């Protein structure tokens, strides 16, 4: 495909407040994805955009709303749209991941999506969920409190989405198919981004650096989203503390920090007080990377905080102070400060009597290159990833349709509850024959209303890595996190079963573990995967099938009539 070739989608948003109502539309939005030329790092290229905007438009809804999205694909390749963090209660048909809950929308096709909000409140986001199109197809999704209610903190003077991302100067589809073909790592990004701009430290980017003007003595809410394809990021503002008040569409107990750590897929709501002398300050983001020998983008993206009306170029020289790029201790300390608000208006409901216990080992892997081929992975192999030694393979028909219509031969229901081999998972030297996983399309079936605990264990196979794991259709309580191998006898004794954070994406630390709990009360097919795109592409994916309950209110909705066909 030519570098300039780009998908075009027309997206119409009809907003319906206080329930789904075909007759009374409160607001109507017409969004178009189209070919747009953007200049970054001294180079102009065409990218996939919504309404010519990059990042895409911010959507505003209230807790419990339902919206309708009409998607028209006028471009040359397939695409889907996912509503990240929206539970889509009983409605997996509109969740969006290709070959999981739908076949992709083909060129010239269209699909109407019904997006059902539940208990989410705070900052979420929407993005493409097909190949690597989400690199430029994404935007903020702000869920305000229900009408007549308010935030659990004083209303800020202003609210600003801060979308962190990555930019490649090459065509993203060429990059995607290139590294798939070689079996190696994709090229590093050429820059990080704040609201679509690289910032003052990159060539040709100083005049277009994102700027935020503030008033002395006022408080501001930043709705921060990490849309990056590959990198966990530090974020901060020089000379200012940040107060974290929310994450992943849920409020948290406020705590102060001079930086945050945010993984791809995560959102964080932070307050900051404009209480410094009237001049300019950097906001900035740079990489956290713990994997030894992993080559990554070491640059820093910046934005500008202004305390005055003067918009003359008066760039500050001081950057916020971050931990070292591989400081796991600081990252874990920050992560453990995240706790649910756990108040009368925002209670917690942690499953205590667990009926289904799962242990999921997350591994970097390799496959043999194949006859008469040259591969760029370790020892001329092809890089792969797995969960419990299974590297996921997309079916020919999406899993949800195959399950609903009982189409045989697309998947099996024998996804293992634990890895086939037990070993010292966090060891740095492991036998080479442990590295080759099984390929398969396997799912785990859960009974309706079962209570589930998943312990994710990162392994040291190949090189090991951090893994931001995202579960569709659910948020979950993060009850524990630690380094080393999980000990089923002692580690649960330190679980937080009082006020654990309620999230949809959580980092499993390099050579460590994370434990989550949720109640399987949302019937359907729900994807779970690493949100580092190269890891997901290589196979660190699986799906849960949550069976219907016994009542009409606990059964999956019927499919829309216009579902795309494979």
Protein backbone atom coordinates (compact mmCIF):
# COMPACT_ATOMS: atom_id res chain seq x y z
CA UNK A 1 0.00 0.00 0.00
CA UNK A 2 1.29 3.49 -0.81
CA UNK A 3 2.42 5.65 2.07
CA UNK A 4 -0.21 8.23 1.14
CA UNK A 5 -3.06 5.72 1.03
CA UNK A 6 -5.34 6.20 4.03
CA UNK A 7 -8.66 4.95 5.33
CA UNK A 8 -11.54 7.37 5.45
CA UNK A 9 -14.41 6.85 7.83
CA UNK A 10 -17.46 8.98 8.43
CA UNK A 11 -18.61 8.77 12.04
CA UNK A 12 -21.93 10.18 13.25
CA UNK A 13 -22.58 10.44 16.99
CA UNK A 14 -26.16 10.68 18.26
CA UNK A 15 -26.16 11.23 22.02
CA UNK A 16 -29.07 10.05 24.15
CA UNK A 17 -29.06 10.96 27.84
CA UNK A 18 -30.78 9.04 30.64
CA UNK A 19 -31.18 5.85 28.65
CA UNK A 20 -31.43 4.81 25.02
CA UNK A 21 -34.24 6.57 23.17
CA UNK A 22 -34.67 6.44 19.41
CA UNK A 23 -37.11 9.32 19.44
CA UNK A 24 -35.48 12.15 21.39
CA UNK A 25 -31.89 12.98 20.50
CA UNK A 26 -30.31 15.48 22.91
CA UNK A 27 -27.34 16.13 20.64
CA UNK A 28 -26.06 14.98 17.29
CA UNK A 29 -22.46 14.92 16.15
CA UNK A 30 -21.11 14.33 12.69
CA UNK A 31 -17.52 13.10 12.70
CA UNK A 32 -15.54 12.12 9.62
CA UNK A 33 -12.34 10.11 9.43
CA UNK A 34 -10.47 11.15 6.35
CA UNK A 35 -7.10 11.53 4.74
CA UNK A 36 -5.26 14.46 6.34
CA UNK A 37 -1.74 15.77 5.92
CA UNK A 38 0.19 16.48 9.14
CA UNK A 39 3.68 17.87 9.55
CA UNK A 40 5.79 16.55 12.41
CA UNK A 41 9.57 16.49 12.83
CA UNK A 42 10.07 18.46 9.60
CA UNK A 43 8.18 15.89 7.53
CA UNK A 44 4.65 15.88 6.12
CA UNK A 45 2.68 12.66 5.71
CA UNK A 46 -0.93 11.57 5.38
CA UNK A 47 -2.52 9.89 8.38
CA UNK A 48 -5.90 8.51 9.36
CA UNK A 49 -7.83 11.20 11.27
CA UNK A 50 -11.29 12.02 12.60
CA UNK A 51 -12.68 15.28 11.20
CA UNK A 52 -9.18 16.15 10.14
CA UNK A 53 -8.16 16.22 13.82
CA UNK A 54 -5.25 14.46 15.46
CA UNK A 55 -5.92 13.41 18.16
CA UNK A 56 -9.58 12.88 17.37
CA UNK A 57 -12.54 14.74 18.89
CA UNK A 58 -13.26 14.54 22.61
CA UNK A 59 -16.70 13.09 23.42
CA UNK A 60 -18.64 14.23 26.49
CA UNK A 61 -21.29 12.01 28.12
CA UNK A 62 -22.77 11.50 31.58
CA UNK A 63 -22.66 8.39 33.75
CA UNK A 64 -25.22 5.82 32.58
CA UNK A 65 -25.78 7.36 29.13
CA UNK A 66 -26.04 5.49 25.85
CA UNK A 67 -24.76 6.84 22.53
CA UNK A 68 -25.19 5.68 18.97
CA UNK A 69 -22.22 5.77 16.58
CA UNK A 70 -22.63 5.33 12.82
CA UNK A 71 -19.31 4.40 11.25
CA UNK A 72 -18.84 4.65 7.49
CA UNK A 73 -15.56 3.29 6.11
CA UNK A 74 -14.72 5.06 2.88
CA UNK A 75 -11.11 3.96 2.86
CA UNK A 76 -9.01 1.22 1.28
CA UNK A 77 -8.60 -1.12 4.26
CA UNK A 78 -10.53 -2.61 7.16
CA UNK A 79 -11.10 -0.84 10.46
CA UNK A 80 -12.96 -1.16 13.79
CA UNK A 81 -13.63 1.23 16.70
CA UNK A 82 -13.32 0.21 20.38
CA UNK A 83 -14.68 2.11 23.39
CA UNK A 84 -11.89 1.54 25.88
CA UNK A 85 -13.10 1.07 29.46
CA UNK A 86 -16.82 1.10 28.62
CA UNK A 87 -18.34 -2.09 30.05
CA UNK A 88 -20.94 -2.40 27.26
CA UNK A 89 -23.24 -4.31 29.62
CA UNK A 90 -24.77 -7.32 27.82
CA UNK A 91 -23.72 -5.77 24.49
CA UNK A 92 -20.38 -7.20 23.33
CA UNK A 93 -21.48 -6.76 19.70
CA UNK A 94 -20.37 -3.14 19.80
CA UNK A 95 -17.12 -3.50 21.75
CA UNK A 96 -14.97 -3.33 18.61
CA UNK A 97 -11.87 -5.59 18.60
CA UNK A 98 -11.58 -7.18 15.17
CA UNK A 99 -12.12 -10.95 14.94
CA UNK A 100 -13.14 -11.02 18.61
CA UNK A 101 -16.52 -9.28 18.81
CA UNK A 102 -16.91 -8.29 15.19
CA UNK A 103 -15.50 -8.72 11.75
CA UNK A 104 -13.83 -5.53 10.58
CA UNK A 105 -15.76 -2.87 8.70
CA UNK A 106 -14.59 -3.28 5.09
CA UNK A 107 -13.78 -0.48 2.68
CA UNK A 108 -17.08 1.03 1.61
CA UNK A 109 -18.93 -0.58 4.53
CA UNK A 110 -20.67 0.84 7.57
CA UNK A 111 -21.68 -0.23 11.07
CA UNK A 112 -23.91 1.37 13.71
CA UNK A 113 -22.52 0.96 17.23
CA UNK A 114 -24.62 1.26 20.38
CA UNK A 115 -22.30 2.29 23.22
CA UNK A 116 -23.80 1.58 26.65
CA UNK A 117 -22.19 3.26 29.67
CA UNK A 118 -22.57 1.78 33.14
CA UNK A 119 -20.83 2.73 36.37
CA UNK A 120 -17.85 4.41 34.65
CA UNK A 121 -17.21 7.98 35.76
CA UNK A 122 -14.11 9.97 34.85
CA UNK A 123 -11.80 9.71 31.86
CA UNK A 124 -11.89 6.94 29.25
CA UNK A 125 -11.00 6.94 25.56
CA UNK A 126 -11.94 5.50 22.18
CA UNK A 127 -9.60 4.11 19.53
CA UNK A 128 -9.33 1.90 16.47
CA UNK A 129 -8.82 -1.79 17.23
CA UNK A 130 -7.50 -3.17 13.96
CA UNK A 131 -3.85 -3.71 13.09
CA UNK A 132 -2.04 -0.54 14.25
CA UNK A 133 -4.61 2.02 13.10
CA UNK A 134 -5.08 3.26 16.66
CA UNK A 135 -1.72 5.06 16.33
CA UNK A 136 -3.66 8.02 14.92
CA UNK A 137 -7.31 7.00 15.41
CA UNK A 138 -8.05 7.82 19.03
CA UNK A 139 -9.64 10.45 21.23
CA UNK A 140 -10.72 11.27 24.77
CA UNK A 141 -14.03 10.12 26.22
CA UNK A 142 -15.10 12.11 29.28
CA UNK A 143 -17.83 10.64 31.49
CA UNK A 144 -19.25 13.29 33.82
CA UNK A 145 -21.24 12.48 36.97
CA UNK A 146 -24.96 11.90 36.57
CA UNK A 147 -27.06 15.05 36.26
CA UNK A 148 -27.66 16.47 39.73
CA UNK A 149 -24.45 15.02 41.20
CA UNK A 150 -20.89 16.29 41.19
CA UNK A 151 -17.26 15.32 41.66
CA UNK A 152 -15.99 14.04 45.02
CA UNK A 153 -13.52 16.95 45.00
CA UNK A 154 -14.00 20.72 44.51
CA UNK A 155 -14.92 21.55 40.95
CA UNK A 156 -11.77 22.71 39.14
CA UNK A 157 -11.48 26.00 37.28
CA UNK A 158 -11.00 24.11 34.00
CA UNK A 159 -10.55 20.59 32.65
CA UNK A 160 -8.04 19.73 29.94
CA UNK A 161 -7.52 16.40 28.13
CA UNK A 162 -3.82 15.54 27.90
CA UNK A 163 -3.34 12.80 25.32
CA UNK A 164 0.10 11.19 25.31
CA UNK A 165 1.08 9.34 22.16
CA UNK A 166 3.81 8.23 19.78
CA UNK A 167 4.69 9.36 16.27
CA UNK A 168 6.40 7.49 13.45
CA UNK A 169 7.57 9.40 10.39
CA UNK A 170 6.92 6.29 8.27
CA UNK A 171 3.47 5.07 7.28
CA UNK A 172 2.08 3.06 10.21
CA UNK A 173 0.74 0.25 8.01
CA UNK A 174 4.10 -0.11 6.31
CA UNK A 175 5.70 -0.32 9.76
CA UNK A 176 3.15 -2.94 10.88
CA UNK A 177 3.53 -5.26 7.92
CA UNK A 178 7.27 -4.73 7.87
CA UNK A 179 7.98 -6.06 11.35
CA UNK A 180 5.42 -8.85 10.92
CA UNK A 181 7.37 -9.94 7.85
CA UNK A 182 10.79 -9.91 9.52
CA UNK A 183 9.75 -11.48 12.82
CA UNK A 184 11.72 -8.84 14.72
CA UNK A 185 10.99 -5.74 16.76
CA UNK A 186 9.26 -2.80 15.04
CA UNK A 187 11.20 0.42 14.63
CA UNK A 188 11.14 2.77 17.59
CA UNK A 189 8.87 5.78 17.38
CA UNK A 190 10.47 9.03 16.23
CA UNK A 191 8.89 11.05 19.03
CA UNK A 192 6.40 11.06 21.85
CA UNK A 193 3.46 13.47 21.72
CA UNK A 194 1.37 15.68 23.99
CA UNK A 195 -1.99 16.41 22.35
CA UNK A 196 -0.57 15.54 18.95
CA UNK A 197 2.58 17.68 19.21
CA UNK A 198 6.16 16.48 19.84
CA UNK A 199 7.18 19.64 21.70
CA UNK A 200 10.06 22.08 21.87
CA UNK A 201 12.87 19.52 22.15
CA UNK A 202 12.30 18.03 18.68
CA UNK A 203 13.32 19.46 15.28
CA UNK A 204 10.82 21.89 13.72
CA UNK A 205 8.33 21.42 16.57
CA UNK A 206 8.98 24.41 18.84
CA UNK A 207 6.35 26.76 17.31
CA UNK A 208 3.58 24.13 17.55
CA UNK A 209 4.24 22.95 21.10
CA UNK A 210 1.01 22.39 23.05
CA UNK A 211 0.34 25.33 25.40
CA UNK A 212 -1.99 25.67 28.37
CA UNK A 213 -2.67 29.12 29.83
CA UNK A 214 -3.51 29.17 33.55
CA UNK A 215 -4.49 31.79 36.12
CA UNK A 216 -2.62 32.29 39.35
CA UNK A 217 -4.43 30.66 42.29
CA UNK A 218 -6.74 28.46 40.19
CA UNK A 219 -6.96 24.67 40.21
CA UNK A 220 -7.02 22.58 37.01
CA UNK A 221 -8.02 19.00 36.22
CA UNK A 222 -5.85 17.20 33.67
CA UNK A 223 -7.48 14.15 32.09
CA UNK A 224 -4.40 12.22 31.03
CA UNK A 225 -4.56 9.32 28.54
CA UNK A 226 -1.64 7.20 27.38
CA UNK A 227 -2.44 6.26 23.79
CA UNK A 228 1.17 5.26 23.05
CA UNK A 229 1.62 2.07 21.10
CA UNK A 230 4.73 0.80 22.85
CA UNK A 231 5.74 2.66 25.96
CA UNK A 232 4.88 3.15 29.62
CA UNK A 233 5.46 6.85 30.36
CA UNK A 234 6.36 9.19 33.19
CA UNK A 235 4.48 12.51 33.18
CA UNK A 236 4.90 15.63 35.29
CA UNK A 237 4.97 19.43 35.41
CA UNK A 238 8.12 21.23 36.49
CA UNK A 239 7.87 22.83 39.98
CA UNK A 240 4.30 21.57 40.47
CA UNK A 241 2.85 18.67 42.43
CA UNK A 242 0.06 16.60 40.94
CA UNK A 243 -2.87 15.24 42.96
CA UNK A 244 -4.20 11.98 41.54
CA UNK A 245 -8.00 11.74 41.95
CA UNK A 246 -9.02 9.12 39.38
CA UNK A 247 -7.89 6.33 37.08
CA UNK A 248 -9.59 4.32 34.33
CA UNK A 249 -13.04 5.84 34.80
CA UNK A 250 -13.08 5.45 38.60
CA UNK A 251 -12.25 7.85 41.44
CA UNK A 252 -9.30 7.25 43.75
CA UNK A 253 -8.32 8.47 47.19
CA UNK A 254 -6.41 11.68 46.46
CA UNK A 255 -2.65 11.54 46.82
CA UNK A 256 0.11 13.93 45.86
CA UNK A 257 3.09 13.14 43.67
CA UNK A 258 5.58 15.10 41.57
CA UNK A 259 5.14 12.61 38.72
CA UNK A 260 2.76 9.90 37.53
CA UNK A 261 3.41 6.58 35.78
CA UNK A 262 0.85 5.69 33.11
CA UNK A 263 0.84 2.70 30.80
CA UNK A 264 -0.63 2.40 27.30
CA UNK A 265 -4.39 2.08 27.72
CA UNK A 266 -4.53 3.74 31.13
CA UNK A 267 -6.10 7.07 32.03
CA UNK A 268 -5.46 9.24 35.09
CA UNK A 269 -7.26 12.28 36.41
CA UNK A 270 -4.92 14.67 38.23
CA UNK A 271 -5.39 18.09 39.80
CA UNK A 272 -2.71 20.73 39.91
CA UNK A 273 -2.70 24.15 41.54
CA UNK A 274 -1.38 27.13 39.59
CA UNK A 275 0.54 28.39 42.63
CA UNK A 276 3.98 29.16 41.22
CA UNK A 277 5.54 32.46 40.06
CA UNK A 278 4.02 33.86 36.85
CA UNK A 279 6.21 32.45 34.11
CA UNK A 280 6.33 29.34 31.90
CA UNK A 281 6.84 25.72 32.90
CA UNK A 282 7.28 22.48 31.03
CA UNK A 283 4.89 19.60 31.24
CA UNK A 284 6.72 16.56 29.91
CA UNK A 285 6.56 12.81 29.31
CA UNK A 286 9.35 10.28 28.79
CA UNK A 287 9.72 6.51 28.82
CA UNK A 288 9.83 4.00 31.64
CA UNK A 289 11.51 0.82 30.36
CA UNK A 290 12.72 -1.97 32.61
CA UNK A 291 13.46 -4.69 30.03
CA UNK A 292 17.23 -5.22 29.78
CA UNK A 293 18.71 -4.52 26.34
CA UNK A 294 15.34 -3.27 25.03
CA UNK A 295 15.97 -0.45 22.55
CA UNK A 296 13.35 2.28 22.95
CA UNK A 297 12.62 5.92 22.18
CA UNK A 298 14.62 7.89 24.77
CA UNK A 299 13.33 11.33 23.78
CA UNK A 300 11.10 13.64 25.85
CA UNK A 301 7.90 15.33 24.70
CA UNK A 302 6.93 18.67 26.22
CA UNK A 303 4.07 21.10 26.53
CA UNK A 304 4.04 24.59 28.02
CA UNK A 305 2.16 25.93 31.06
CA UNK A 306 1.67 29.73 30.73
CA UNK A 307 0.92 31.96 33.72
CA UNK A 308 0.34 35.11 31.70
CA UNK A 309 -1.30 36.49 28.57
CA UNK A 310 1.97 36.81 26.70
CA UNK A 311 2.26 34.04 24.09
CA UNK A 312 5.72 35.11 22.95
CA UNK A 313 8.24 32.30 22.69
CA UNK A 314 9.82 32.25 26.13
CA UNK A 315 10.65 28.62 26.60
CA UNK A 316 11.65 27.35 30.02
CA UNK A 317 14.86 25.44 30.48
CA UNK A 318 13.77 23.31 33.44
CA UNK A 319 12.13 19.92 32.95
CA UNK A 320 10.19 17.99 35.58
CA UNK A 321 12.37 15.54 37.50
CA UNK A 322 11.54 11.89 36.79
CA UNK A 323 13.01 8.70 38.26
CA UNK A 324 15.59 6.83 36.22
CA UNK A 325 14.07 5.21 33.11
CA UNK A 326 14.37 1.75 34.72
CA UNK A 327 13.46 2.60 38.33
CA UNK A 328 11.03 -0.20 39.14
CA UNK A 329 10.95 0.71 42.83
CA UNK A 330 9.57 4.19 42.16
CA UNK A 331 7.02 2.80 39.73
CA UNK A 332 5.77 0.20 42.22
CA UNK A 333 5.61 2.79 44.98
CA UNK A 334 3.43 4.99 42.80
CA UNK A 335 1.23 2.07 41.71
CA UNK A 336 0.59 1.02 45.32
CA UNK A 337 -0.68 4.52 46.17
CA UNK A 338 -3.68 4.00 43.87
CA UNK A 339 -6.70 3.12 46.04
CA UNK A 340 -10.44 3.27 45.47
CA UNK A 341 -12.31 6.18 46.97
CA UNK A 342 -14.48 3.70 48.90
CA UNK A 343 -17.10 6.19 50.05
CA UNK A 344 -20.86 6.12 50.50
CA UNK A 345 -21.42 7.48 47.01
CA UNK A 346 -18.58 5.45 45.49
CA UNK A 347 -18.57 2.09 47.30
CA UNK A 348 -16.39 -0.91 46.56
CA UNK A 349 -17.71 -4.42 45.97
CA UNK A 350 -14.67 -6.68 46.08
CA UNK A 351 -15.38 -10.37 45.52
CA UNK A 352 -14.25 -12.20 48.66
CA UNK A 353 -15.51 -15.74 48.05
CA UNK A 354 -13.59 -16.70 44.90
CA UNK A 355 -15.06 -19.49 42.76
CA UNK A 356 -12.56 -19.39 39.85
CA UNK A 357 -8.82 -18.99 40.43
CA UNK A 358 -6.60 -18.50 37.39
CA UNK A 359 -2.83 -18.16 37.11
CA UNK A 360 -1.73 -16.58 33.83
CA UNK A 361 1.96 -16.61 32.94
CA UNK A 362 2.88 -13.83 30.48
CA UNK A 363 5.91 -14.63 28.35
CA UNK A 364 8.07 -13.37 25.55
CA UNK A 365 8.69 -16.25 23.15
CA UNK A 366 10.18 -17.25 19.83
CA UNK A 367 9.17 -19.43 16.89
CA UNK A 368 11.53 -21.04 14.38
CA UNK A 369 12.01 -18.81 11.37
CA UNK A 370 10.98 -21.31 8.74
CA UNK A 371 12.73 -22.81 5.75
CA UNK A 372 14.58 -20.43 3.42
CA UNK A 373 13.61 -17.37 5.44
CA UNK A 374 15.60 -14.71 7.29
CA UNK A 375 14.19 -13.55 10.62
CA UNK A 376 15.28 -10.71 12.89
CA UNK A 377 14.42 -12.21 16.28
CA UNK A 378 16.95 -13.67 18.76
CA UNK A 379 19.21 -16.25 17.10
CA UNK A 380 17.38 -15.63 13.79
CA UNK A 381 14.01 -16.69 15.20
CA UNK A 382 10.60 -14.99 15.02
CA UNK A 383 9.53 -13.10 18.14
CA UNK A 384 6.28 -14.22 19.77
CA UNK A 385 4.36 -13.81 23.02
CA UNK A 386 1.97 -15.99 24.97
CA UNK A 387 -0.36 -16.40 27.93
CA UNK A 388 0.05 -19.78 29.61
CA UNK A 389 2.15 -20.98 26.68
CA UNK A 390 -0.61 -20.23 24.15
CA UNK A 391 0.11 -17.65 21.43
CA UNK A 392 -3.28 -16.40 20.22
CA UNK A 393 -4.34 -16.82 16.59
CA UNK A 394 -7.26 -14.86 15.13
CA UNK A 395 -10.14 -17.03 13.89
CA UNK A 396 -11.60 -16.72 10.39
CA UNK A 397 -14.96 -15.64 11.85
CA UNK A 398 -15.08 -13.41 14.91
CA UNK A 399 -15.34 -15.29 18.21
CA UNK A 400 -18.60 -13.67 19.27
CA UNK A 401 -20.44 -14.62 16.08
CA UNK A 402 -18.98 -18.12 16.19
CA UNK A 403 -20.13 -18.53 19.80
CA UNK A 404 -23.58 -17.00 19.31
CA UNK A 405 -24.37 -18.85 16.08
CA UNK A 406 -22.56 -22.05 17.13
CA UNK A 407 -20.15 -21.99 14.18
CA UNK A 408 -17.73 -24.86 14.71
CA UNK A 409 -14.00 -24.97 14.13
CA UNK A 410 -13.24 -21.36 15.11
CA UNK A 411 -12.09 -21.80 18.72
CA UNK A 412 -11.74 -24.28 21.55
CA UNK A 413 -12.78 -23.83 25.19
CA UNK A 414 -9.70 -25.39 26.76
CA UNK A 415 -7.65 -22.32 27.59
CA UNK A 416 -5.45 -23.52 30.45
CA UNK A 417 -5.96 -22.29 34.02
CA UNK A 418 -2.19 -22.23 34.48
CA UNK A 419 1.02 -22.69 32.48
CA UNK A 420 1.87 -26.15 31.20
CA UNK A 421 5.31 -25.90 32.83
CA UNK A 422 6.04 -24.65 36.33
CA UNK A 423 9.46 -23.08 36.75
CA UNK A 424 11.24 -20.16 38.35
CA UNK A 425 9.31 -17.59 36.31
CA UNK A 426 11.42 -14.59 37.29
CA UNK A 427 14.77 -16.25 36.61
CA UNK A 428 16.90 -14.47 34.01
CA UNK A 429 18.38 -17.68 32.54
CA UNK A 430 15.88 -20.31 31.45
CA UNK A 431 16.05 -23.33 29.09
CA UNK A 432 15.64 -22.42 25.42
CA UNK A 433 13.03 -25.13 24.88
CA UNK A 434 10.70 -23.21 27.23
CA UNK A 435 10.59 -20.37 24.72
CA UNK A 436 8.46 -21.98 21.98
CA UNK A 437 4.70 -21.70 22.72
CA UNK A 438 1.67 -23.37 21.20
CA UNK A 439 -0.38 -21.52 18.60
CA UNK A 440 -4.12 -21.61 19.11
CA UNK A 441 -7.50 -19.89 19.37
CA UNK A 442 -8.51 -20.88 22.87
CA UNK A 443 -10.98 -19.24 25.24
CA UNK A 444 -11.82 -19.57 28.93
CA UNK A 445 -15.51 -20.09 29.75
CA UNK A 446 -16.85 -18.49 32.94
CA UNK A 447 -20.21 -19.15 34.58
CA UNK A 448 -22.44 -16.13 34.95
CA UNK A 449 -21.90 -14.34 38.27
CA UNK A 450 -18.84 -16.42 39.13
CA UNK A 451 -16.19 -14.60 41.14
CA UNK A 452 -12.80 -14.63 39.47
CA UNK A 453 -9.25 -14.04 40.63
CA UNK A 454 -6.51 -13.81 38.01
CA UNK A 455 -2.86 -13.73 39.06
CA UNK A 456 -0.71 -12.46 36.20
CA UNK A 457 2.91 -13.61 36.39
CA UNK A 458 5.52 -12.01 34.15
CA UNK A 459 8.24 -14.46 33.16
CA UNK A 460 11.87 -13.94 32.22
CA UNK A 461 11.67 -15.94 29.01
CA UNK A 462 13.64 -14.42 26.10
CA UNK A 463 14.04 -11.01 27.75
CA UNK A 464 11.01 -10.56 29.97
CA UNK A 465 9.02 -7.31 29.98
CA UNK A 466 6.37 -5.23 31.70
CA UNK A 467 2.87 -6.02 30.46
CA UNK A 468 -0.05 -3.56 30.70
CA UNK A 469 -2.98 -5.99 30.61
CA UNK A 470 -6.40 -4.72 29.52
CA UNK A 471 -9.71 -6.54 29.99
CA UNK A 472 -12.68 -5.62 27.80
CA UNK A 473 -16.20 -5.55 29.22
CA UNK A 474 -15.06 -5.20 32.83
CA UNK A 475 -13.20 -3.14 35.33
CA UNK A 476 -11.48 -5.13 38.07
CA UNK A 477 -10.07 -4.64 41.54
CA UNK A 478 -6.27 -4.74 41.68
CA UNK A 479 -5.77 -6.53 45.02
CA UNK A 480 -2.02 -7.13 44.91
CA UNK A 481 1.26 -6.51 43.09
CA UNK A 482 4.81 -7.65 43.79
CA UNK A 483 8.18 -8.68 42.41
CA UNK A 484 9.50 -12.21 41.96
CA UNK A 485 7.40 -15.35 41.68
CA UNK A 486 3.91 -15.25 43.16
CA UNK A 487 3.64 -17.32 46.34
CA UNK A 488 0.09 -18.65 46.68
CA UNK A 489 0.55 -19.20 50.42
CA UNK A 490 2.07 -15.91 51.54
CA UNK A 491 1.35 -13.22 48.93
CA UNK A 492 -2.47 -13.28 49.34
CA UNK A 493 -1.93 -12.35 52.99
CA UNK A 494 -0.89 -8.88 51.83
CA UNK A 495 -3.83 -8.34 49.45
CA UNK A 496 -5.71 -5.06 49.75
CA UNK A 497 -9.31 -6.19 50.23
CA UNK A 498 -10.49 -2.87 51.66
CA UNK A 499 -9.94 -0.17 49.01
CA UNK A 500 -8.04 -1.59 45.99
CA UNK A 501 -8.09 0.48 42.79
CA UNK A 502 -10.81 -0.29 40.25
CA UNK A 503 -9.21 -0.32 36.80
CA UNK A 504 -9.45 -1.79 33.31
CA UNK A 505 -5.71 -1.75 32.52
CA UNK A 506 -2.90 -2.63 34.92
CA UNK A 507 0.84 -3.16 34.54
CA UNK A 508 2.26 -6.55 35.42
CA UNK A 509 5.82 -5.63 36.43
CA UNK A 510 8.93 -7.05 34.84
CA UNK A 511 9.73 -10.30 36.68
CA UNK A 512 6.76 -9.72 38.98
CA UNK A 513 3.06 -10.38 39.44
CA UNK A 514 -0.29 -8.61 39.73
CA UNK A 515 -3.54 -10.04 41.14
CA UNK A 516 -7.01 -8.85 40.09
CA UNK A 517 -10.58 -9.79 41.02
CA UNK A 518 -13.91 -9.29 39.26
CA UNK A 519 -17.44 -10.70 39.18
CA UNK A 520 -18.40 -12.26 35.84
CA UNK A 521 -21.77 -10.51 35.57
CA UNK A 522 -21.50 -9.23 31.99
CA UNK A 523 -22.40 -12.04 29.55
CA UNK A 524 -20.66 -12.21 26.20
CA UNK A 525 -17.21 -12.63 24.66
CA UNK A 526 -14.59 -10.33 26.15
CA UNK A 527 -11.04 -9.81 24.95
CA UNK A 528 -8.00 -9.61 27.23
CA UNK A 529 -4.59 -8.59 25.92
CA UNK A 530 -1.37 -6.73 26.53
CA UNK A 531 -1.70 -3.07 25.49
CA UNK A 532 1.85 -2.91 24.16
CA UNK A 533 0.91 -3.34 20.52
CA UNK A 534 3.90 -5.44 19.52
CA UNK A 535 3.13 -7.89 22.35
CA UNK A 536 -0.52 -8.14 21.33
CA UNK A 537 0.44 -8.57 17.67
CA UNK A 538 2.78 -11.42 18.61
CA UNK A 539 0.04 -13.29 20.49
CA UNK A 540 -0.34 -12.04 24.12
CA UNK A 541 -4.12 -12.21 23.85
CA UNK A 542 -7.00 -14.43 24.94
CA UNK A 543 -10.75 -14.16 25.47
CA UNK A 544 -13.31 -15.00 28.13
CA UNK A 545 -16.75 -16.30 27.29
CA UNK A 546 -19.12 -15.35 30.11
CA UNK A 547 -22.25 -17.48 29.90
CA UNK A 548 -25.77 -16.09 30.13
CA UNK A 549 -27.60 -16.00 33.43
CA UNK A 550 -31.08 -17.37 34.12
CA UNK A 551 -33.08 -14.14 33.75
CA UNK A 552 -33.71 -11.92 30.71
CA UNK A 553 -31.73 -9.15 32.42
CA UNK A 554 -28.68 -11.40 32.71
CA UNK A 555 -28.60 -12.55 29.10
CA UNK A 556 -26.59 -11.17 26.21
CA UNK A 557 -28.45 -8.86 23.83
CA UNK A 558 -29.19 -10.00 20.29
CA UNK A 559 -26.81 -8.89 17.52
CA UNK A 560 -27.50 -5.77 15.44
CA UNK A 561 -28.81 -6.39 11.96
CA UNK A 562 -25.87 -4.64 10.28
CA UNK A 563 -22.95 -6.55 11.81
CA UNK A 564 -20.02 -6.56 9.35
CA UNK A 565 -19.38 -9.86 7.61
CA UNK A 566 -16.04 -11.65 7.41
